[in-house]
């Protein structure tokens, strides 16, 4: 303890503390310079802990499903979501989309709700919407630069296209 006090005493003599008004002016100057730079970024997703994000991360399929729900709005039933994701990937995605919807619902990134009358004596149609956290996760994915179609999916789509072209030609 004595050693720390001696160091503190020495430092206060060697480097005297400036008056509070000087400190306040310097802080205000720095803040003025930072504000224009901060306006370029969506800082609402930043956290001071962990990986730097305050929103949940998503994998490629989750990003695609969240984007489809966001784009479809009130029309976001499983069929419309699947059709949208299939347009991006070029493959049959019903099982993947269904599993992803369940996972996103478990993580509370989306909400499931039923609307309207029952169809054909069954259950009323059910739709999906983004929760507040789902919207934040989607914004994080955009900020990270995620793309709707990955390179692997582009290759798969191209392969399916070539197969279909060859089938039609023969």
N, C-alpha and C. Protein backbone atom coordinates (compact mmCIF):
# COMPACT_ATOMS: atom_id res chain seq x y z
N UNK A 1 0.82 -1.20 0.00
CA UNK A 1 0.00 0.00 0.00
C UNK A 1 0.86 1.26 0.00
N UNK A 2 1.92 1.24 0.79
CA UNK A 2 2.77 2.42 0.85
C UNK A 2 3.38 2.71 -0.51
N UNK A 3 3.76 1.64 -1.22
CA UNK A 3 4.40 1.82 -2.52
C UNK A 3 3.42 2.50 -3.49
N UNK A 4 2.18 2.06 -3.51
CA UNK A 4 1.18 2.66 -4.40
C UNK A 4 0.96 4.13 -4.08
N UNK A 5 0.93 4.47 -2.80
CA UNK A 5 0.75 5.86 -2.40
C UNK A 5 1.93 6.70 -2.86
N UNK A 6 3.15 6.16 -2.73
CA UNK A 6 4.33 6.90 -3.18
C UNK A 6 4.29 7.12 -4.69
N UNK A 7 3.87 6.10 -5.41
CA UNK A 7 3.77 6.24 -6.88
C UNK A 7 2.72 7.29 -7.23
N UNK A 8 1.60 7.25 -6.54
CA UNK A 8 0.53 8.22 -6.79
C UNK A 8 1.01 9.64 -6.48
N UNK A 9 1.72 9.82 -5.38
CA UNK A 9 2.26 11.14 -5.02
C UNK A 9 3.25 11.62 -6.08
N UNK A 10 4.13 10.72 -6.50
CA UNK A 10 5.12 11.09 -7.51
C UNK A 10 4.42 11.51 -8.81
N UNK A 11 3.44 10.74 -9.25
CA UNK A 11 2.72 11.03 -10.49
C UNK A 11 1.97 12.36 -10.40
N UNK A 12 1.38 12.65 -9.26
CA UNK A 12 0.65 13.91 -9.13
C UNK A 12 1.60 15.11 -9.19
N UNK A 13 2.83 14.93 -8.73
CA UNK A 13 3.81 16.03 -8.84
C UNK A 13 4.38 16.11 -10.24
N UNK A 14 4.66 14.94 -10.86
CA UNK A 14 5.30 14.92 -12.18
C UNK A 14 4.32 15.31 -13.29
N UNK A 15 3.09 14.85 -13.17
CA UNK A 15 2.07 15.14 -14.19
C UNK A 15 0.85 15.69 -13.46
N UNK A 16 0.82 16.99 -13.24
CA UNK A 16 -0.30 17.56 -12.49
C UNK A 16 -1.61 17.44 -13.28
N UNK A 17 -2.68 17.28 -12.58
CA UNK A 17 -4.01 17.15 -13.16
C UNK A 17 -4.48 18.52 -13.64
N UNK A 18 -4.97 18.63 -14.89
CA UNK A 18 -5.46 19.92 -15.36
C UNK A 18 -6.77 20.28 -14.67
N UNK A 19 -7.16 21.53 -14.70
CA UNK A 19 -8.42 21.95 -14.08
C UNK A 19 -9.62 21.26 -14.78
N UNK A 20 -10.70 21.13 -14.06
CA UNK A 20 -11.88 20.41 -14.57
C UNK A 20 -12.44 21.05 -15.84
N UNK A 21 -12.43 22.39 -15.94
CA UNK A 21 -12.98 23.03 -17.14
C UNK A 21 -12.14 22.69 -18.38
N UNK A 22 -10.84 22.50 -18.23
CA UNK A 22 -9.98 22.11 -19.35
C UNK A 22 -10.33 20.68 -19.78
N UNK A 23 -10.54 19.82 -18.81
CA UNK A 23 -10.93 18.44 -19.10
C UNK A 23 -12.28 18.41 -19.82
N UNK A 24 -13.24 19.18 -19.34
CA UNK A 24 -14.57 19.22 -19.95
C UNK A 24 -14.52 19.72 -21.40
N UNK A 25 -13.72 20.76 -21.65
CA UNK A 25 -13.59 21.29 -23.02
C UNK A 25 -12.96 20.25 -23.95
N UNK A 26 -11.94 19.56 -23.46
CA UNK A 26 -11.28 18.53 -24.28
C UNK A 26 -12.25 17.39 -24.60
N UNK A 27 -13.05 16.99 -23.63
CA UNK A 27 -14.04 15.94 -23.86
C UNK A 27 -15.08 16.39 -24.88
N UNK A 28 -15.54 17.62 -24.76
CA UNK A 28 -16.52 18.16 -25.71
C UNK A 28 -15.95 18.20 -27.12
N UNK A 29 -14.69 18.56 -27.27
CA UNK A 29 -14.03 18.59 -28.58
C UNK A 29 -13.98 17.21 -29.21
N UNK A 30 -13.58 16.23 -28.43
CA UNK A 30 -13.50 14.85 -28.93
C UNK A 30 -14.89 14.37 -29.34
N UNK A 31 -15.88 14.64 -28.51
CA UNK A 31 -17.25 14.21 -28.82
C UNK A 31 -17.75 14.85 -30.12
N UNK A 32 -17.45 16.12 -30.33
CA UNK A 32 -17.83 16.81 -31.57
C UNK A 32 -17.21 16.14 -32.79
N UNK A 33 -15.95 15.70 -32.67
CA UNK A 33 -15.29 15.04 -33.80
C UNK A 33 -15.84 13.64 -34.03
N UNK A 34 -16.28 12.96 -32.98
CA UNK A 34 -16.78 11.59 -33.11
C UNK A 34 -18.20 11.51 -33.68
N UNK A 35 -19.05 12.48 -33.38
CA UNK A 35 -20.45 12.41 -33.77
C UNK A 35 -20.66 12.21 -35.27
N UNK A 36 -20.02 12.96 -36.16
CA UNK A 36 -20.25 12.71 -37.60
C UNK A 36 -19.85 11.29 -38.02
N UNK A 37 -18.78 10.78 -37.44
CA UNK A 37 -18.34 9.42 -37.77
C UNK A 37 -19.34 8.39 -37.28
N UNK A 38 -19.88 8.57 -36.07
CA UNK A 38 -20.84 7.63 -35.51
C UNK A 38 -22.15 7.60 -36.31
N UNK A 39 -22.51 8.71 -36.94
CA UNK A 39 -23.75 8.75 -37.72
C UNK A 39 -23.70 7.85 -38.95
N UNK A 40 -22.52 7.44 -39.35
CA UNK A 40 -22.36 6.56 -40.51
C UNK A 40 -22.72 5.11 -40.19
N UNK A 41 -22.84 4.77 -38.92
CA UNK A 41 -23.04 3.38 -38.50
C UNK A 41 -24.30 3.24 -37.67
N UNK A 42 -24.88 2.03 -37.72
CA UNK A 42 -26.03 1.71 -36.87
C UNK A 42 -25.49 1.22 -35.54
N UNK A 43 -25.29 2.14 -34.62
CA UNK A 43 -24.68 1.78 -33.33
C UNK A 43 -25.68 1.15 -32.37
N UNK A 44 -26.95 1.08 -32.75
CA UNK A 44 -27.94 0.46 -31.86
C UNK A 44 -27.69 -1.03 -31.68
N UNK A 45 -26.88 -1.63 -32.55
CA UNK A 45 -26.61 -3.06 -32.47
C UNK A 45 -25.31 -3.36 -31.72
N UNK A 46 -24.59 -2.34 -31.32
CA UNK A 46 -23.30 -2.53 -30.67
C UNK A 46 -23.45 -2.78 -29.18
N UNK A 47 -22.58 -3.61 -28.67
CA UNK A 47 -22.54 -3.90 -27.25
C UNK A 47 -21.13 -3.66 -26.75
N UNK A 48 -21.00 -3.34 -25.51
CA UNK A 48 -19.68 -3.15 -24.93
C UNK A 48 -19.12 -4.44 -24.35
N UNK A 49 -19.88 -5.53 -24.47
CA UNK A 49 -19.46 -6.81 -23.91
C UNK A 49 -19.38 -7.86 -25.01
N UNK A 50 -18.70 -8.93 -24.76
CA UNK A 50 -18.69 -10.07 -25.66
C UNK A 50 -18.11 -9.78 -27.02
N UNK A 51 -18.87 -10.16 -28.07
CA UNK A 51 -18.36 -10.03 -29.43
C UNK A 51 -18.61 -8.66 -30.03
N UNK A 52 -19.16 -7.74 -29.27
CA UNK A 52 -19.40 -6.39 -29.77
C UNK A 52 -20.79 -6.16 -30.30
N UNK A 53 -21.61 -7.19 -30.35
CA UNK A 53 -22.97 -7.08 -30.88
C UNK A 53 -23.98 -7.24 -29.76
N UNK A 54 -25.09 -6.51 -29.87
CA UNK A 54 -26.16 -6.68 -28.90
C UNK A 54 -27.34 -7.42 -29.52
N UNK A 55 -27.17 -7.94 -30.75
CA UNK A 55 -28.21 -8.71 -31.42
C UNK A 55 -27.67 -10.11 -31.69
N UNK A 56 -28.60 -11.07 -31.79
CA UNK A 56 -28.22 -12.46 -31.99
C UNK A 56 -27.61 -12.69 -33.38
N UNK A 57 -26.63 -13.59 -33.46
CA UNK A 57 -26.09 -13.94 -34.78
C UNK A 57 -27.04 -14.91 -35.50
N UNK A 58 -26.95 -14.94 -36.82
CA UNK A 58 -27.76 -15.88 -37.61
C UNK A 58 -26.87 -16.60 -38.60
N UNK A 59 -27.26 -17.84 -38.93
CA UNK A 59 -26.56 -18.53 -40.00
C UNK A 59 -27.22 -18.16 -41.33
N UNK A 60 -26.72 -18.71 -42.43
CA UNK A 60 -27.20 -18.33 -43.76
C UNK A 60 -28.70 -18.60 -43.93
N UNK A 61 -29.16 -19.79 -43.56
CA UNK A 61 -30.57 -20.14 -43.73
C UNK A 61 -31.47 -19.25 -42.86
N UNK A 62 -31.06 -19.02 -41.62
CA UNK A 62 -31.84 -18.14 -40.74
C UNK A 62 -31.94 -16.74 -41.32
N UNK A 63 -30.84 -16.26 -41.88
CA UNK A 63 -30.84 -14.94 -42.51
C UNK A 63 -31.83 -14.92 -43.68
N UNK A 64 -31.83 -15.97 -44.50
CA UNK A 64 -32.75 -16.04 -45.63
C UNK A 64 -34.21 -16.05 -45.17
N UNK A 65 -34.51 -16.84 -44.16
CA UNK A 65 -35.89 -16.94 -43.67
C UNK A 65 -36.33 -15.63 -43.03
N UNK A 66 -35.48 -15.02 -42.22
CA UNK A 66 -35.82 -13.72 -41.61
C UNK A 66 -36.05 -12.66 -42.70
N UNK A 67 -35.22 -12.67 -43.73
CA UNK A 67 -35.38 -11.71 -44.81
C UNK A 67 -36.68 -11.95 -45.56
N UNK A 68 -37.01 -13.21 -45.81
CA UNK A 68 -38.27 -13.54 -46.50
C UNK A 68 -39.47 -13.06 -45.68
N UNK A 69 -39.46 -13.30 -44.38
CA UNK A 69 -40.56 -12.85 -43.52
C UNK A 69 -40.66 -11.33 -43.56
N UNK A 70 -39.52 -10.67 -43.51
CA UNK A 70 -39.51 -9.21 -43.54
C UNK A 70 -40.08 -8.69 -44.86
N UNK A 71 -39.70 -9.31 -45.97
CA UNK A 71 -40.17 -8.85 -47.28
C UNK A 71 -41.65 -9.18 -47.51
N UNK A 72 -42.10 -10.33 -47.03
CA UNK A 72 -43.47 -10.76 -47.27
C UNK A 72 -44.48 -10.04 -46.39
N UNK A 73 -44.06 -9.61 -45.22
CA UNK A 73 -44.97 -8.89 -44.32
C UNK A 73 -46.16 -9.74 -43.91
N UNK A 74 -47.38 -9.25 -44.16
CA UNK A 74 -48.61 -9.94 -43.74
C UNK A 74 -48.84 -11.24 -44.49
N UNK A 75 -48.14 -11.47 -45.59
CA UNK A 75 -48.34 -12.68 -46.40
C UNK A 75 -47.33 -13.76 -46.06
N UNK A 76 -46.70 -13.70 -44.92
CA UNK A 76 -45.59 -14.61 -44.60
C UNK A 76 -46.05 -15.92 -43.98
N UNK A 77 -46.71 -16.75 -44.80
CA UNK A 77 -47.01 -18.10 -44.34
C UNK A 77 -45.88 -19.02 -44.79
N UNK A 78 -45.91 -20.28 -44.37
CA UNK A 78 -44.79 -21.18 -44.66
C UNK A 78 -44.59 -21.38 -46.16
N UNK A 79 -45.69 -21.38 -46.93
CA UNK A 79 -45.57 -21.60 -48.37
C UNK A 79 -44.90 -20.42 -49.06
N UNK A 80 -45.30 -19.21 -48.70
CA UNK A 80 -44.70 -18.01 -49.30
C UNK A 80 -43.23 -17.88 -48.89
N UNK A 81 -42.94 -18.17 -47.63
CA UNK A 81 -41.54 -18.10 -47.15
C UNK A 81 -40.69 -19.11 -47.90
N UNK A 82 -41.19 -20.34 -48.01
CA UNK A 82 -40.45 -21.39 -48.72
C UNK A 82 -40.22 -21.02 -50.18
N UNK A 83 -41.27 -20.52 -50.84
CA UNK A 83 -41.14 -20.13 -52.25
C UNK A 83 -40.08 -19.03 -52.42
N UNK A 84 -40.07 -18.10 -51.51
CA UNK A 84 -39.10 -17.01 -51.58
C UNK A 84 -37.68 -17.53 -51.40
N UNK A 85 -37.47 -18.38 -50.39
CA UNK A 85 -36.13 -18.94 -50.15
C UNK A 85 -35.72 -19.83 -51.33
N UNK A 86 -36.66 -20.57 -51.89
CA UNK A 86 -36.34 -21.43 -53.04
C UNK A 86 -35.93 -20.61 -54.26
N UNK A 87 -36.50 -19.42 -54.41
CA UNK A 87 -36.07 -18.54 -55.51
C UNK A 87 -34.60 -18.16 -55.35
N UNK A 88 -34.19 -17.92 -54.11
CA UNK A 88 -32.82 -17.51 -53.86
C UNK A 88 -31.84 -18.67 -54.00
N UNK A 89 -32.27 -19.88 -53.60
CA UNK A 89 -31.34 -21.01 -53.54
C UNK A 89 -31.46 -21.95 -54.73
N UNK A 90 -32.60 -21.95 -55.41
CA UNK A 90 -32.78 -22.83 -56.56
C UNK A 90 -32.99 -24.28 -56.19
N UNK A 91 -33.39 -24.56 -54.99
CA UNK A 91 -33.61 -25.95 -54.57
C UNK A 91 -34.89 -26.10 -53.78
N UNK A 92 -35.25 -27.34 -53.48
CA UNK A 92 -36.43 -27.65 -52.68
C UNK A 92 -36.07 -27.44 -51.21
N UNK A 93 -36.71 -26.46 -50.57
CA UNK A 93 -36.27 -26.04 -49.24
C UNK A 93 -37.32 -26.21 -48.14
N UNK A 94 -38.46 -26.87 -48.41
CA UNK A 94 -39.55 -26.91 -47.43
C UNK A 94 -39.10 -27.45 -46.07
N UNK A 95 -38.33 -28.52 -46.06
CA UNK A 95 -37.89 -29.11 -44.78
C UNK A 95 -36.93 -28.15 -44.07
N UNK A 96 -35.98 -27.59 -44.82
CA UNK A 96 -35.02 -26.65 -44.22
C UNK A 96 -35.72 -25.41 -43.67
N UNK A 97 -36.69 -24.88 -44.42
CA UNK A 97 -37.41 -23.69 -43.97
C UNK A 97 -38.23 -24.01 -42.73
N UNK A 98 -38.92 -25.15 -42.72
CA UNK A 98 -39.73 -25.53 -41.57
C UNK A 98 -38.87 -25.66 -40.32
N UNK A 99 -37.73 -26.35 -40.44
CA UNK A 99 -36.82 -26.50 -39.29
C UNK A 99 -36.29 -25.14 -38.83
N UNK A 100 -35.97 -24.29 -39.78
CA UNK A 100 -35.44 -22.97 -39.45
C UNK A 100 -36.50 -22.13 -38.74
N UNK A 101 -37.74 -22.21 -39.22
CA UNK A 101 -38.83 -21.47 -38.56
C UNK A 101 -38.99 -21.91 -37.11
N UNK A 102 -38.94 -23.21 -36.86
CA UNK A 102 -39.06 -23.71 -35.49
C UNK A 102 -37.91 -23.20 -34.62
N UNK A 103 -36.71 -23.24 -35.18
CA UNK A 103 -35.53 -22.79 -34.43
C UNK A 103 -35.62 -21.28 -34.12
N UNK A 104 -36.03 -20.50 -35.12
CA UNK A 104 -36.17 -19.06 -34.91
C UNK A 104 -37.27 -18.74 -33.89
N UNK A 105 -38.34 -19.54 -33.92
CA UNK A 105 -39.41 -19.33 -32.95
C UNK A 105 -38.93 -19.68 -31.54
N UNK A 106 -38.17 -20.76 -31.41
CA UNK A 106 -37.61 -21.13 -30.10
C UNK A 106 -36.69 -20.04 -29.55
N UNK A 107 -35.95 -19.38 -30.44
CA UNK A 107 -35.04 -18.30 -30.04
C UNK A 107 -35.77 -16.97 -29.90
N UNK A 108 -37.07 -16.97 -30.14
CA UNK A 108 -37.94 -15.79 -30.03
C UNK A 108 -37.53 -14.67 -30.99
N UNK A 109 -37.04 -15.06 -32.18
CA UNK A 109 -36.71 -14.08 -33.20
C UNK A 109 -37.90 -13.84 -34.13
N UNK A 110 -38.85 -14.78 -34.11
CA UNK A 110 -40.07 -14.62 -34.89
C UNK A 110 -41.26 -14.98 -34.02
N UNK A 111 -42.43 -14.51 -34.44
CA UNK A 111 -43.66 -14.85 -33.72
C UNK A 111 -44.59 -15.56 -34.70
N UNK A 112 -45.29 -16.55 -34.21
CA UNK A 112 -46.23 -17.35 -34.97
C UNK A 112 -47.62 -16.92 -34.56
N UNK A 113 -48.49 -16.64 -35.51
CA UNK A 113 -49.86 -16.27 -35.15
C UNK A 113 -50.84 -16.77 -36.21
N UNK A 114 -52.04 -17.06 -35.76
CA UNK A 114 -53.10 -17.53 -36.66
C UNK A 114 -54.04 -16.36 -36.95
N UNK A 115 -54.48 -16.29 -38.19
CA UNK A 115 -55.41 -15.23 -38.56
C UNK A 115 -56.46 -15.79 -39.51
N UNK A 116 -57.61 -15.19 -39.48
CA UNK A 116 -58.67 -15.53 -40.43
C UNK A 116 -59.40 -16.81 -40.06
N UNK A 117 -60.39 -17.15 -40.89
CA UNK A 117 -61.19 -18.35 -40.64
C UNK A 117 -60.42 -19.62 -41.04
N UNK A 118 -60.89 -20.76 -40.53
CA UNK A 118 -60.29 -22.05 -40.86
C UNK A 118 -60.47 -22.33 -42.34
N UNK A 119 -59.47 -22.97 -42.93
CA UNK A 119 -59.51 -23.29 -44.36
C UNK A 119 -59.84 -24.76 -44.53
N UNK A 120 -60.94 -25.06 -45.25
CA UNK A 120 -61.30 -26.45 -45.53
C UNK A 120 -61.56 -27.28 -44.29
N UNK A 121 -62.13 -26.70 -43.27
CA UNK A 121 -62.44 -27.43 -42.04
C UNK A 121 -61.24 -27.67 -41.15
N UNK A 122 -60.06 -27.22 -41.55
CA UNK A 122 -58.85 -27.41 -40.73
C UNK A 122 -58.60 -26.22 -39.84
N UNK A 123 -57.34 -25.98 -39.58
CA UNK A 123 -56.96 -24.86 -38.73
C UNK A 123 -56.92 -23.56 -39.54
N UNK A 124 -57.08 -22.42 -38.88
CA UNK A 124 -56.93 -21.15 -39.60
C UNK A 124 -55.48 -21.01 -40.08
N UNK A 125 -55.28 -20.26 -41.16
CA UNK A 125 -53.90 -20.10 -41.65
C UNK A 125 -53.02 -19.44 -40.59
N UNK A 126 -51.77 -19.81 -40.59
CA UNK A 126 -50.84 -19.21 -39.63
C UNK A 126 -49.72 -18.50 -40.38
N UNK A 127 -49.31 -17.40 -39.78
CA UNK A 127 -48.32 -16.52 -40.39
C UNK A 127 -47.21 -16.25 -39.39
N UNK A 128 -46.13 -15.74 -39.91
CA UNK A 128 -44.97 -15.42 -39.10
C UNK A 128 -44.65 -13.94 -39.22
N UNK A 129 -44.13 -13.39 -38.15
CA UNK A 129 -43.67 -12.00 -38.16
C UNK A 129 -42.39 -11.91 -37.35
N UNK A 130 -41.60 -10.90 -37.65
CA UNK A 130 -40.36 -10.70 -36.92
C UNK A 130 -40.65 -10.10 -35.55
N UNK A 131 -39.99 -10.60 -34.54
CA UNK A 131 -40.06 -9.97 -33.23
C UNK A 131 -39.07 -8.81 -33.24
N UNK A 132 -39.06 -8.06 -32.15
CA UNK A 132 -38.10 -6.96 -32.04
C UNK A 132 -36.67 -7.49 -32.12
N UNK A 133 -36.41 -8.62 -31.45
CA UNK A 133 -35.08 -9.23 -31.48
C UNK A 133 -34.76 -9.81 -32.86
N UNK A 134 -35.79 -10.31 -33.55
CA UNK A 134 -35.59 -10.82 -34.91
C UNK A 134 -35.20 -9.72 -35.87
N UNK A 135 -35.83 -8.56 -35.70
CA UNK A 135 -35.48 -7.41 -36.53
C UNK A 135 -34.03 -6.99 -36.26
N UNK A 136 -33.64 -7.00 -35.00
CA UNK A 136 -32.27 -6.64 -34.65
C UNK A 136 -31.28 -7.66 -35.22
N UNK A 137 -31.63 -8.95 -35.17
CA UNK A 137 -30.75 -10.00 -35.72
C UNK A 137 -30.61 -9.82 -37.23
N UNK A 138 -31.69 -9.46 -37.89
CA UNK A 138 -31.66 -9.23 -39.33
C UNK A 138 -30.79 -8.01 -39.67
N UNK A 139 -30.92 -6.96 -38.88
CA UNK A 139 -30.08 -5.77 -39.10
C UNK A 139 -28.61 -6.09 -38.84
N UNK A 140 -28.34 -6.95 -37.85
CA UNK A 140 -26.95 -7.35 -37.59
C UNK A 140 -26.40 -8.10 -38.80
N UNK A 141 -27.19 -9.02 -39.34
CA UNK A 141 -26.74 -9.80 -40.50
C UNK A 141 -26.42 -8.88 -41.68
N UNK A 142 -27.26 -7.86 -41.88
CA UNK A 142 -26.99 -6.89 -42.95
C UNK A 142 -25.70 -6.12 -42.65
N UNK A 143 -25.52 -5.73 -41.40
CA UNK A 143 -24.32 -4.98 -41.02
C UNK A 143 -23.06 -5.83 -41.19
N UNK A 144 -23.19 -7.14 -40.99
CA UNK A 144 -22.06 -8.05 -41.17
C UNK A 144 -21.79 -8.34 -42.65
N UNK A 145 -22.70 -7.90 -43.51
CA UNK A 145 -22.50 -8.09 -44.95
C UNK A 145 -22.98 -9.43 -45.47
N UNK A 146 -23.90 -10.09 -44.74
CA UNK A 146 -24.42 -11.37 -45.22
C UNK A 146 -25.17 -11.17 -46.53
N UNK A 147 -25.07 -12.16 -47.42
CA UNK A 147 -25.74 -12.12 -48.71
C UNK A 147 -26.83 -13.19 -48.73
N UNK A 148 -27.89 -12.96 -49.49
CA UNK A 148 -29.00 -13.92 -49.53
C UNK A 148 -28.61 -15.24 -50.17
N UNK A 149 -27.69 -15.20 -51.11
CA UNK A 149 -27.26 -16.43 -51.77
C UNK A 149 -25.77 -16.61 -51.54
N UNK A 150 -25.40 -17.74 -50.96
CA UNK A 150 -23.98 -18.02 -50.73
C UNK A 150 -23.36 -18.58 -51.99
N UNK A 151 -22.05 -18.63 -52.05
CA UNK A 151 -21.34 -19.15 -53.22
C UNK A 151 -21.75 -20.60 -53.46
N UNK A 152 -21.85 -21.38 -52.41
CA UNK A 152 -22.24 -22.79 -52.54
C UNK A 152 -23.62 -22.92 -53.17
N UNK A 153 -24.56 -22.07 -52.75
CA UNK A 153 -25.91 -22.12 -53.30
C UNK A 153 -25.92 -21.66 -54.75
N UNK A 154 -25.05 -20.68 -55.09
CA UNK A 154 -24.97 -20.23 -56.49
C UNK A 154 -24.49 -21.38 -57.37
N UNK A 155 -23.48 -22.14 -56.89
CA UNK A 155 -22.99 -23.28 -57.66
C UNK A 155 -24.08 -24.33 -57.82
N UNK A 156 -24.81 -24.59 -56.74
CA UNK A 156 -25.89 -25.58 -56.78
C UNK A 156 -26.97 -25.15 -57.77
N UNK A 157 -27.35 -23.86 -57.75
CA UNK A 157 -28.35 -23.34 -58.67
C UNK A 157 -27.88 -23.48 -60.11
N UNK A 158 -26.61 -23.19 -60.35
CA UNK A 158 -26.06 -23.30 -61.69
C UNK A 158 -26.07 -24.75 -62.14
N UNK A 159 -25.69 -25.67 -61.26
CA UNK A 159 -25.70 -27.09 -61.59
C UNK A 159 -27.11 -27.55 -61.93
N UNK A 160 -28.12 -27.15 -61.16
CA UNK A 160 -29.50 -27.51 -61.45
C UNK A 160 -29.96 -26.92 -62.78
N UNK A 161 -29.54 -25.69 -63.06
CA UNK A 161 -29.90 -25.03 -64.31
C UNK A 161 -29.31 -25.80 -65.50
N UNK A 162 -28.04 -26.19 -65.40
CA UNK A 162 -27.39 -26.93 -66.48
C UNK A 162 -28.06 -28.28 -66.68
N UNK A 163 -28.37 -28.99 -65.59
CA UNK A 163 -29.06 -30.29 -65.70
C UNK A 163 -30.40 -30.12 -66.42
N UNK A 164 -31.15 -29.09 -66.03
CA UNK A 164 -32.46 -28.85 -66.64
C UNK A 164 -32.30 -28.49 -68.12
N UNK A 165 -31.29 -27.70 -68.45
CA UNK A 165 -31.05 -27.31 -69.85
C UNK A 165 -30.69 -28.53 -70.68
N UNK A 166 -29.85 -29.41 -70.12
CA UNK A 166 -29.48 -30.62 -70.84
C UNK A 166 -30.67 -31.57 -71.00
N UNK A 167 -31.52 -31.65 -69.99
CA UNK A 167 -32.71 -32.49 -70.06
C UNK A 167 -33.65 -32.00 -71.15
N UNK A 168 -33.84 -30.69 -71.23
CA UNK A 168 -34.74 -30.11 -72.22
C UNK A 168 -34.16 -30.30 -73.62
N UNK A 169 -32.84 -30.18 -73.77
CA UNK A 169 -32.18 -30.29 -75.07
C UNK A 169 -32.30 -31.70 -75.65
N UNK A 170 -32.23 -32.72 -74.79
CA UNK A 170 -32.25 -34.10 -75.28
C UNK A 170 -33.63 -34.65 -75.49
